[in-house]
Structure formats: C-alpha cells, structure tokens
Amino acid sequence: MSAVYFYFLRCMKVSILSATLVGIDAQEVYVEADILHDLPKCTIVGLPDSAVQEARERIRSAITNSGLPFPRTRITVNLAPADTRKEGSHYDVPIAVAVLVAEGVLPDEGWESRIVVGELALDGSVRSCKGVLSIALLAKRKGIKELFVPDRNAPEAAMIRGVRVLPISSLSHLVHHVRETKKIAPWRGRRGTFNKSPVHIAAADFADVRGQEHAKRALEIAAAGCHNILKLWT
C-alpha cells in the first residue's frame, strides 16, 4: 500500500480528557477517537459498561440533530486506561467531541487543559450526570484550566474554588465556544453548599453488653478488617 493511499485511508487520532469515578474519587480518562475510511461502524473499547456502549446511538443522533456532520466511516473510540471499568453516561459529550475533532469539525488544540463530561439527549441537549464534585476536585488537583459540565451540575462543580467551570446546555453550545463564535461565560451563579450540621446516630454500645466477650471480640475483628460475619443464636 502506497504512502499516499494510506494517507487517504486514515484520519488523525485525537484524545479528549474526561474522568471516571473509582469509589468516591475521580480518575483521568482519555477518550481517544480514530477514523478509518472504511464501511460505517462505531466501536467503543476500553472496558465500557452497557451505558457507555449505548452512547453510540445517542451520539449519532445528537450530532446529526445539532446540524453537524457525523462521519460515515469506521470510528474507533478507546477509553484509556483500558484496565479501568468505565461506567455511566457522562462519556457522551467527550466521545462526541472526540469524533468531531477527528472529523475536522473542531480544532484539535487545547484539549489537554480541558475536562469534558455530560450525557447527551437525542436532540443534542446536555443532561446532568453524577460525580461532578469529585471530577472538579480532580481538575483542581491536576491544574486543569477548564471544566465543561452540564449546566444543571454547574453549582456543584463551582463548590471547588479555583476551577473554571463552563456550563453547557447543548452540544452546539460547546461547539460554538470551541470555535470562538459564541463564548461560554464561566459560572458566576450560586454555588452548592456542604452540609456541615453534625450527624447524630443512635447506636448500641459494646459497653452496654455484659458478657459475650468472644462474640464482641469477633465483631471487633470483623469491623476492623471489613470482614463478613455470621451470627447464630437461639
């Protein structure tokens, strides 16, 4: 295969920064998209769950209904690192952005300093997602300049000071910002608040239990090591 022919077969590979939740903490995820001029097909790899797999159809409709071209080619999307399970629908927007960048609809510069999250509706509007507070903490820890979140999640993300939160209401909203035809203003509205009120939990105390030293010792060991325990009595 000649070099010229190979050039026309392949398009550039791009990488968009997003995040995944591991417990209550957020971890970086790189959404990579590669376009091969072959029979139309979209494949998502990198341990995606069913919600991420279903993103293919949401993204196709959202891009088309936003008046943007969806590539009629073979699209491969990789969610790296590949050994981490990817769960949730908040990968919709970063996958759509990666596809648009690979297609040449959006510029390929500046994405290393942006985190993008959000679920897409079929009409291209952006729906809220979970874990935005943890993702905002990740952005601050990594020194990320911009955090694109659904507009309904902006107050939550703004709880972390020092992070430039950009609320998006639709895919076209984000596209106009990146193309610099209509900039998105950073969130300046109300911030979410932490619940600082003390929590009082009424619970039994081992000091109130007389005897049963072996049983109490077993419960203490199970609690300390997060082990399961089976209690049987008559």
C-alpha atoms as a PDB file:
ATOM      1  CA  MET A   1       0.000   0.000   0.000  1.00  0.00           C
ATOM      2  CA  SER A   2       1.499   3.340  -1.013  1.00  0.00           C
ATOM      3  CA  ALA A   3       2.025   6.124   1.490  1.00  0.00           C
ATOM      4  CA  VAL A   4      -0.379   8.400  -0.413  1.00  0.00           C
ATOM      5  CA  TYR A   5      -3.143   5.765  -0.396  1.00  0.00           C
ATOM      6  CA  PHE A   6      -2.582   5.115   3.304  1.00  0.00           C
ATOM      7  CA  TYR A   7      -2.912   8.854   3.983  1.00  0.00           C
ATOM      8  CA  PHE A   8      -6.330   8.988   2.366  1.00  0.00           C
ATOM      9  CA  LEU A   9      -7.482   5.923   4.256  1.00  0.00           C
ATOM     10  CA  ARG A  10      -6.654   7.237   7.705  1.00  0.00           C
ATOM     11  CA  CYS A  11      -7.542  10.402   9.586  1.00  0.00           C
ATOM     12  CA  MET A  12      -5.903  11.807  12.680  1.00  0.00           C
ATOM     13  CA  LYS A  13      -6.298  10.290  16.121  1.00  0.00           C
ATOM     14  CA  VAL A  14      -7.397  12.652  18.894  1.00  0.00           C
ATOM     15  CA  SER A  15      -7.610  12.478  22.670  1.00  0.00           C
ATOM     16  CA  ILE A  16     -10.140  14.287  24.874  1.00  0.00           C
ATOM     17  CA  LEU A  17      -9.742  14.391  28.654  1.00  0.00           C
ATOM     18  CA  SER A  18     -12.637  13.145  30.776  1.00  0.00           C
ATOM     19  CA  ALA A  19     -12.922  11.266  34.073  1.00  0.00           C
ATOM     20  CA  THR A  20     -14.256   8.145  35.733  1.00  0.00           C
ATOM     21  CA  LEU A  21     -15.287   7.504  39.321  1.00  0.00           C
ATOM     22  CA  VAL A  22     -13.368   4.965  41.373  1.00  0.00           C
ATOM     23  CA  GLY A  23     -15.306   4.821  44.620  1.00  0.00           C
ATOM     24  CA  ILE A  24     -15.823   8.475  45.554  1.00  0.00           C
ATOM     25  CA  ASP A  25     -12.665   9.673  43.798  1.00  0.00           C
ATOM     26  CA  ALA A  26     -12.287  10.710  40.166  1.00  0.00           C
ATOM     27  CA  GLN A  27      -9.585   9.411  37.866  1.00  0.00           C
ATOM     28  CA  GLU A  28      -8.472  10.712  34.476  1.00  0.00           C
ATOM     29  CA  VAL A  29      -9.826   9.013  31.372  1.00  0.00           C
ATOM     30  CA  TYR A  30      -8.549   9.793  27.890  1.00  0.00           C
ATOM     31  CA  VAL A  31     -11.226   9.492  25.216  1.00  0.00           C
ATOM     32  CA  GLU A  32      -9.383   8.654  22.006  1.00  0.00           C
ATOM     33  CA  ALA A  33     -11.073   8.613  18.610  1.00  0.00           C
ATOM     34  CA  ASP A  34      -9.683   7.292  15.350  1.00  0.00           C
ATOM     35  CA  ILE A  35     -11.393   7.409  11.967  1.00  0.00           C
ATOM     36  CA  LEU A  36     -10.700   4.918   9.198  1.00  0.00           C
ATOM     37  CA  HIS A  37     -12.327   5.490   5.819  1.00  0.00           C
ATOM     38  CA  ASP A  38     -13.985   2.104   5.588  1.00  0.00           C
ATOM     39  CA  LEU A  39     -17.504   0.713   5.938  1.00  0.00           C
ATOM     40  CA  PRO A  40     -19.509   2.755   8.501  1.00  0.00           C
ATOM     41  CA  LYS A  41     -19.190   1.338  12.002  1.00  0.00           C
ATOM     42  CA  CYS A  42     -18.637   2.709  15.501  1.00  0.00           C
ATOM     43  CA  THR A  43     -16.801   0.671  18.127  1.00  0.00           C
ATOM     44  CA  ILE A  44     -16.127   1.657  21.749  1.00  0.00           C
ATOM     45  CA  VAL A  45     -13.385  -0.221  23.619  1.00  0.00           C
ATOM     46  CA  GLY A  46     -11.691   0.171  26.998  1.00  0.00           C
ATOM     47  CA  LEU A  47     -13.939  -1.786  29.407  1.00  0.00           C
ATOM     48  CA  PRO A  48     -17.154   0.219  28.790  1.00  0.00           C
ATOM     49  CA  ASP A  49     -20.372  -0.782  30.530  1.00  0.00           C
ATOM     50  CA  SER A  50     -23.724  -1.020  28.746  1.00  0.00           C
ATOM     51  CA  ALA A  51     -24.500   2.694  29.267  1.00  0.00           C
ATOM     52  CA  VAL A  52     -21.239   3.638  27.535  1.00  0.00           C
ATOM     53  CA  GLN A  53     -21.876   1.175  24.706  1.00  0.00           C
ATOM     54  CA  GLU A  54     -25.312   2.723  24.146  1.00  0.00           C
ATOM     55  CA  ALA A  55     -23.618   6.108  23.743  1.00  0.00           C
ATOM     56  CA  ARG A  56     -23.009   5.266  20.080  1.00  0.00           C
ATOM     57  CA  GLU A  57     -26.656   5.770  19.159  1.00  0.00           C
ATOM     58  CA  ARG A  58     -27.140   8.824  21.374  1.00  0.00           C
ATOM     59  CA  ILE A  59     -24.048  10.489  19.922  1.00  0.00           C
ATOM     60  CA  ARG A  60     -25.026   9.775  16.331  1.00  0.00           C
ATOM     61  CA  SER A  61     -28.465  11.355  16.789  1.00  0.00           C
ATOM     62  CA  ALA A  62     -27.159  14.254  18.909  1.00  0.00           C
ATOM     63  CA  ILE A  63     -24.512  15.239  16.357  1.00  0.00           C
ATOM     64  CA  THR A  64     -26.916  14.981  13.420  1.00  0.00           C
ATOM     65  CA  ASN A  65     -29.727  16.856  15.191  1.00  0.00           C
ATOM     66  CA  SER A  66     -27.271  19.601  16.136  1.00  0.00           C
ATOM     67  CA  GLY A  67     -26.708  20.298  12.443  1.00  0.00           C
ATOM     68  CA  LEU A  68     -23.204  18.824  12.486  1.00  0.00           C
ATOM     69  CA  PRO A  69     -21.796  16.177  10.131  1.00  0.00           C
ATOM     70  CA  PHE A  70     -21.484  12.661  11.507  1.00  0.00           C
ATOM     71  CA  PRO A  71     -18.703  10.740   9.747  1.00  0.00           C
ATOM     72  CA  ARG A  72     -19.934   7.916   7.519  1.00  0.00           C
ATOM     73  CA  THR A  73     -16.779   5.950   8.204  1.00  0.00           C
ATOM     74  CA  ARG A  74     -15.361   3.437  10.651  1.00  0.00           C
ATOM     75  CA  ILE A  75     -14.928   5.063  14.072  1.00  0.00           C
ATOM     76  CA  THR A  76     -12.946   3.505  16.896  1.00  0.00           C
ATOM     77  CA  VAL A  77     -13.240   5.071  20.349  1.00  0.00           C
ATOM     78  CA  ASN A  78     -10.846   3.967  23.074  1.00  0.00           C
ATOM     79  CA  LEU A  79     -11.318   4.855  26.747  1.00  0.00           C
ATOM     80  CA  ALA A  80      -7.902   4.785  28.396  1.00  0.00           C
ATOM     81  CA  PRO A  81      -6.622   3.386  30.690  1.00  0.00           C
ATOM     82  CA  ALA A  82      -8.103   0.210  29.265  1.00  0.00           C
ATOM     83  CA  ASP A  83      -7.867  -1.759  32.522  1.00  0.00           C
ATOM     84  CA  THR A  84     -10.293   0.521  34.408  1.00  0.00           C
ATOM     85  CA  ARG A  85     -14.031  -0.132  34.185  1.00  0.00           C
ATOM     86  CA  LYS A  86     -15.920   2.797  32.589  1.00  0.00           C
ATOM     87  CA  GLU A  87     -19.449   3.268  33.886  1.00  0.00           C
ATOM     88  CA  GLY A  88     -22.123   5.908  33.347  1.00  0.00           C
ATOM     89  CA  SER A  89     -23.468   8.125  30.596  1.00  0.00           C
ATOM     90  CA  HIS A  90     -21.203  11.135  31.256  1.00  0.00           C
ATOM     91  CA  TYR A  91     -18.871   9.979  28.465  1.00  0.00           C
ATOM     92  CA  ASP A  92     -21.407  11.004  25.794  1.00  0.00           C
ATOM     93  CA  VAL A  93     -20.160  14.565  25.364  1.00  0.00           C
ATOM     94  CA  PRO A  94     -16.405  13.798  25.392  1.00  0.00           C
ATOM     95  CA  ILE A  95     -16.918  10.960  22.882  1.00  0.00           C
ATOM     96  CA  ALA A  96     -18.947  13.267  20.620  1.00  0.00           C
ATOM     97  CA  VAL A  97     -16.248  15.941  20.883  1.00  0.00           C
ATOM     98  CA  ALA A  98     -13.523  13.406  20.069  1.00  0.00           C
ATOM     99  CA  VAL A  99     -15.433  12.293  16.961  1.00  0.00           C
ATOM    100  CA  LEU A 100     -15.954  15.895  15.824  1.00  0.00           C
ATOM    101  CA  VAL A 101     -12.280  16.718  16.330  1.00  0.00           C
ATOM    102  CA  ALA A 102     -11.195  13.596  14.432  1.00  0.00           C
ATOM    103  CA  GLU A 103     -13.555  14.573  11.613  1.00  0.00           C
ATOM    104  CA  GLY A 104     -12.037  18.062  11.492  1.00  0.00           C
ATOM    105  CA  VAL A 105     -15.204  19.836  12.616  1.00  0.00           C
ATOM    106  CA  LEU A 106     -13.474  21.130  15.758  1.00  0.00           C
ATOM    107  CA  PRO A 107      -9.848  22.215  16.263  1.00  0.00           C
ATOM    108  CA  ASP A 108      -7.523  19.667  17.835  1.00  0.00           C
ATOM    109  CA  GLU A 109      -5.650  22.081  20.104  1.00  0.00           C
ATOM    110  CA  GLY A 110      -6.119  22.899  23.779  1.00  0.00           C
ATOM    111  CA  TRP A 111      -7.933  19.736  24.876  1.00  0.00           C
ATOM    112  CA  GLU A 112      -5.154  18.650  27.217  1.00  0.00           C
ATOM    113  CA  SER A 113      -6.167  21.502  29.544  1.00  0.00           C
ATOM    114  CA  ARG A 114      -9.917  20.744  29.498  1.00  0.00           C
ATOM    115  CA  ILE A 115     -12.073  18.092  31.148  1.00  0.00           C
ATOM    116  CA  VAL A 116     -15.404  17.337  29.467  1.00  0.00           C
ATOM    117  CA  VAL A 117     -18.345  15.418  30.978  1.00  0.00           C
ATOM    118  CA  GLY A 118     -22.063  15.189  30.261  1.00  0.00           C
ATOM    119  CA  GLU A 119     -24.858  12.982  28.950  1.00  0.00           C
ATOM    120  CA  LEU A 120     -26.419  13.710  25.564  1.00  0.00           C
ATOM    121  CA  ALA A 121     -30.091  13.629  24.656  1.00  0.00           C
ATOM    122  CA  LEU A 122     -31.063  12.714  21.099  1.00  0.00           C
ATOM    123  CA  ASP A 123     -31.737  16.365  20.240  1.00  0.00           C
ATOM    124  CA  GLY A 124     -28.209  17.377  21.273  1.00  0.00           C
ATOM    125  CA  SER A 125     -29.089  18.862  24.644  1.00  0.00           C
ATOM    126  CA  VAL A 126     -26.851  18.003  27.593  1.00  0.00           C
ATOM    127  CA  ARG A 127     -28.277  16.270  30.644  1.00  0.00           C
ATOM    128  CA  SER A 128     -26.901  16.220  34.169  1.00  0.00           C
ATOM    129  CA  CYS A 129     -24.585  13.475  35.365  1.00  0.00           C
ATOM    130  CA  LYS A 130     -23.219  12.081  38.621  1.00  0.00           C
ATOM    131  CA  GLY A 131     -19.885  12.630  40.334  1.00  0.00           C
ATOM    132  CA  VAL A 132     -19.251  16.201  39.196  1.00  0.00           C
ATOM    133  CA  LEU A 133     -17.916  17.283  42.599  1.00  0.00           C
ATOM    134  CA  SER A 134     -15.229  14.586  42.524  1.00  0.00           C
ATOM    135  CA  ILE A 135     -14.386  15.472  38.923  1.00  0.00           C
ATOM    136  CA  ALA A 136     -13.997  19.136  39.900  1.00  0.00           C
ATOM    137  CA  LEU A 137     -11.598  18.072  42.656  1.00  0.00           C
ATOM    138  CA  LEU A 138      -9.624  16.129  40.047  1.00  0.00           C
ATOM    139  CA  ALA A 139      -9.489  19.193  37.793  1.00  0.00           C
ATOM    140  CA  LYS A 140      -8.112  21.330  40.602  1.00  0.00           C
ATOM    141  CA  ARG A 141      -5.581  18.688  41.629  1.00  0.00           C
ATOM    142  CA  LYS A 142      -4.304  18.324  38.052  1.00  0.00           C
ATOM    143  CA  GLY A 143      -4.284  22.052  37.321  1.00  0.00           C
ATOM    144  CA  ILE A 144      -6.861  21.758  34.515  1.00  0.00           C
ATOM    145  CA  LYS A 145      -7.864  25.173  33.160  1.00  0.00           C
ATOM    146  CA  GLU A 146     -11.444  24.479  32.063  1.00  0.00           C
ATOM    147  CA  LEU A 147     -14.135  22.066  33.216  1.00  0.00           C
ATOM    148  CA  PHE A 148     -17.121  21.586  30.883  1.00  0.00           C
ATOM    149  CA  VAL A 149     -20.135  20.282  32.806  1.00  0.00           C
ATOM    150  CA  PRO A 150     -23.917  20.171  32.213  1.00  0.00           C
ATOM    151  CA  ASP A 151     -25.464  23.489  33.238  1.00  0.00           C
ATOM    152  CA  ARG A 152     -27.504  21.778  35.966  1.00  0.00           C
ATOM    153  CA  ASN A 153     -24.286  20.493  37.546  1.00  0.00           C
ATOM    154  CA  ALA A 154     -22.507  23.859  37.486  1.00  0.00           C
ATOM    155  CA  PRO A 155     -23.378  24.852  41.096  1.00  0.00           C
ATOM    156  CA  GLU A 156     -21.998  21.532  42.318  1.00  0.00           C
ATOM    157  CA  ALA A 157     -18.761  21.881  40.345  1.00  0.00           C
ATOM    158  CA  ALA A 158     -18.386  25.502  41.488  1.00  0.00           C
ATOM    159  CA  MET A 159     -18.134  24.335  45.093  1.00  0.00           C
ATOM    160  CA  ILE A 160     -14.458  23.678  44.338  1.00  0.00           C
ATOM    161  CA  ARG A 161     -12.838  27.086  44.153  1.00  0.00           C
ATOM    162  CA  GLY A 162     -10.045  27.670  41.699  1.00  0.00           C
ATOM    163  CA  VAL A 163     -11.684  25.672  38.888  1.00  0.00           C
ATOM    164  CA  ARG A 164     -13.067  27.494  35.820  1.00  0.00           C
ATOM    165  CA  VAL A 165     -16.480  25.879  35.384  1.00  0.00           C
ATOM    166  CA  LEU A 166     -18.092  26.243  31.949  1.00  0.00           C
ATOM    167  CA  PRO A 167     -21.780  25.183  31.934  1.00  0.00           C
ATOM    168  CA  ILE A 168     -23.043  23.680  28.679  1.00  0.00           C
ATOM    169  CA  SER A 169     -26.689  23.233  27.752  1.00  0.00           C
ATOM    170  CA  SER A 170     -26.197  21.526  24.382  1.00  0.00           C
ATOM    171  CA  LEU A 171     -23.560  20.069  22.095  1.00  0.00           C
ATOM    172  CA  SER A 172     -23.846  23.025  19.721  1.00  0.00           C
ATOM    173  CA  HIS A 173     -23.322  25.319  22.730  1.00  0.00           C
ATOM    174  CA  LEU A 174     -19.920  23.708  23.308  1.00  0.00           C
ATOM    175  CA  VAL A 175     -19.088  23.718  19.580  1.00  0.00           C
ATOM    176  CA  HIS A 176     -19.701  27.480  19.319  1.00  0.00           C
ATOM    177  CA  HIS A 177     -17.426  28.059  22.314  1.00  0.00           C
ATOM    178  CA  VAL A 178     -14.567  25.999  20.906  1.00  0.00           C
ATOM    179  CA  ARG A 179     -14.934  27.653  17.503  1.00  0.00           C
ATOM    180  CA  GLU A 180     -14.950  31.005  19.334  1.00  0.00           C
ATOM    181  CA  THR A 181     -18.157  32.098  17.611  1.00  0.00           C
ATOM    182  CA  LYS A 182     -20.044  32.370  20.915  1.00  0.00           C
ATOM    183  CA  LYS A 183     -18.057  32.027  24.112  1.00  0.00           C
ATOM    184  CA  ILE A 184     -19.456  30.395  27.232  1.00  0.00           C
ATOM    185  CA  ALA A 185     -19.206  32.569  30.324  1.00  0.00           C
ATOM    186  CA  PRO A 186     -17.717  30.859  33.394  1.00  0.00           C
ATOM    187  CA  TRP A 187     -20.266  30.014  36.075  1.00  0.00           C
ATOM    188  CA  ARG A 188     -20.827  33.002  38.370  1.00  0.00           C
ATOM    189  CA  GLY A 189     -24.109  31.979  39.947  1.00  0.00           C
ATOM    190  CA  ARG A 190     -24.800  30.321  43.247  1.00  0.00           C
ATOM    191  CA  ARG A 191     -22.552  27.565  44.486  1.00  0.00           C
ATOM    192  CA  GLY A 192     -23.639  24.340  46.084  1.00  0.00           C
ATOM    193  CA  THR A 193     -23.125  24.046  49.812  1.00  0.00           C
ATOM    194  CA  PHE A 194     -21.721  21.355  52.053  1.00  0.00           C
ATOM    195  CA  ASN A 195     -23.890  20.085  54.885  1.00  0.00           C
ATOM    196  CA  LYS A 196     -21.856  20.954  57.976  1.00  0.00           C
ATOM    197  CA  SER A 197     -24.509  20.081  60.542  1.00  0.00           C
ATOM    198  CA  PRO A 198     -23.426  17.357  62.968  1.00  0.00           C
ATOM    199  CA  VAL A 199     -24.861  13.917  62.421  1.00  0.00           C
ATOM    200  CA  HIS A 200     -26.125  12.097  65.482  1.00  0.00           C
ATOM    201  CA  ILE A 201     -26.566   8.370  65.115  1.00  0.00           C
ATOM    202  CA  ALA A 202     -28.207   6.459  67.915  1.00  0.00           C
ATOM    203  CA  ALA A 203     -26.383   3.138  68.150  1.00  0.00           C
ATOM    204  CA  ALA A 204     -25.818   0.443  70.723  1.00  0.00           C
ATOM    205  CA  ASP A 205     -22.508   0.484  72.588  1.00  0.00           C
ATOM    206  CA  PHE A 206     -20.494  -2.636  73.344  1.00  0.00           C
ATOM    207  CA  ALA A 207     -20.047  -1.272  76.854  1.00  0.00           C
ATOM    208  CA  ASP A 208     -23.758  -1.880  77.400  1.00  0.00           C
ATOM    209  CA  VAL A 209     -23.392  -5.580  76.608  1.00  0.00           C
ATOM    210  CA  ARG A 210     -22.484  -7.725  79.585  1.00  0.00           C
ATOM    211  CA  GLY A 211     -20.514 -10.878  78.935  1.00  0.00           C
ATOM    212  CA  GLN A 212     -20.344 -12.280  75.407  1.00  0.00           C
ATOM    213  CA  GLU A 213     -16.624 -11.471  75.248  1.00  0.00           C
ATOM    214  CA  HIS A 214     -15.926 -13.902  72.402  1.00  0.00           C
ATOM    215  CA  ALA A 215     -18.794 -12.536  70.333  1.00  0.00           C
ATOM    216  CA  LYS A 216     -17.744  -8.923  70.918  1.00  0.00           C
ATOM    217  CA  ARG A 217     -14.139  -9.774  70.038  1.00  0.00           C
ATOM    218  CA  ALA A 218     -15.260 -11.419  66.798  1.00  0.00           C
ATOM    219  CA  LEU A 219     -17.338  -8.361  65.861  1.00  0.00           C
ATOM    220  CA  GLU A 220     -14.420  -6.023  66.576  1.00  0.00           C
ATOM    221  CA  ILE A 221     -12.093  -8.052  64.351  1.00  0.00           C
ATOM    222  CA  ALA A 222     -14.681  -8.194  61.556  1.00  0.00           C
ATOM    223  CA  ALA A 223     -15.266  -4.432  61.736  1.00  0.00           C
ATOM    224  CA  ALA A 224     -11.538  -3.634  61.793  1.00  0.00           C
ATOM    225  CA  GLY A 225     -10.796  -5.769  58.747  1.00  0.00           C
ATOM    226  CA  CYS A 226     -14.073  -5.173  56.880  1.00  0.00           C
ATOM    227  CA  HIS A 227     -14.803  -8.915  57.003  1.00  0.00           C
ATOM    228  CA  ASN A 228     -18.169 -10.616  56.754  1.00  0.00           C
ATOM    229  CA  ILE A 229     -19.542 -12.251  59.883  1.00  0.00           C
ATOM    230  CA  LEU A 230     -22.390 -14.668  60.522  1.00  0.00           C
ATOM    231  CA  LYS A 231     -24.176 -14.539  63.862  1.00  0.00           C
ATOM    232  CA  LEU A 232     -26.251 -17.512  65.003  1.00  0.00           C
ATOM    233  CA  TRP A 233     -28.200 -17.772  68.241  1.00  0.00           C
ATOM    234  CA  THR A 234     -31.363 -19.298  69.652  1.00  0.00           C
END
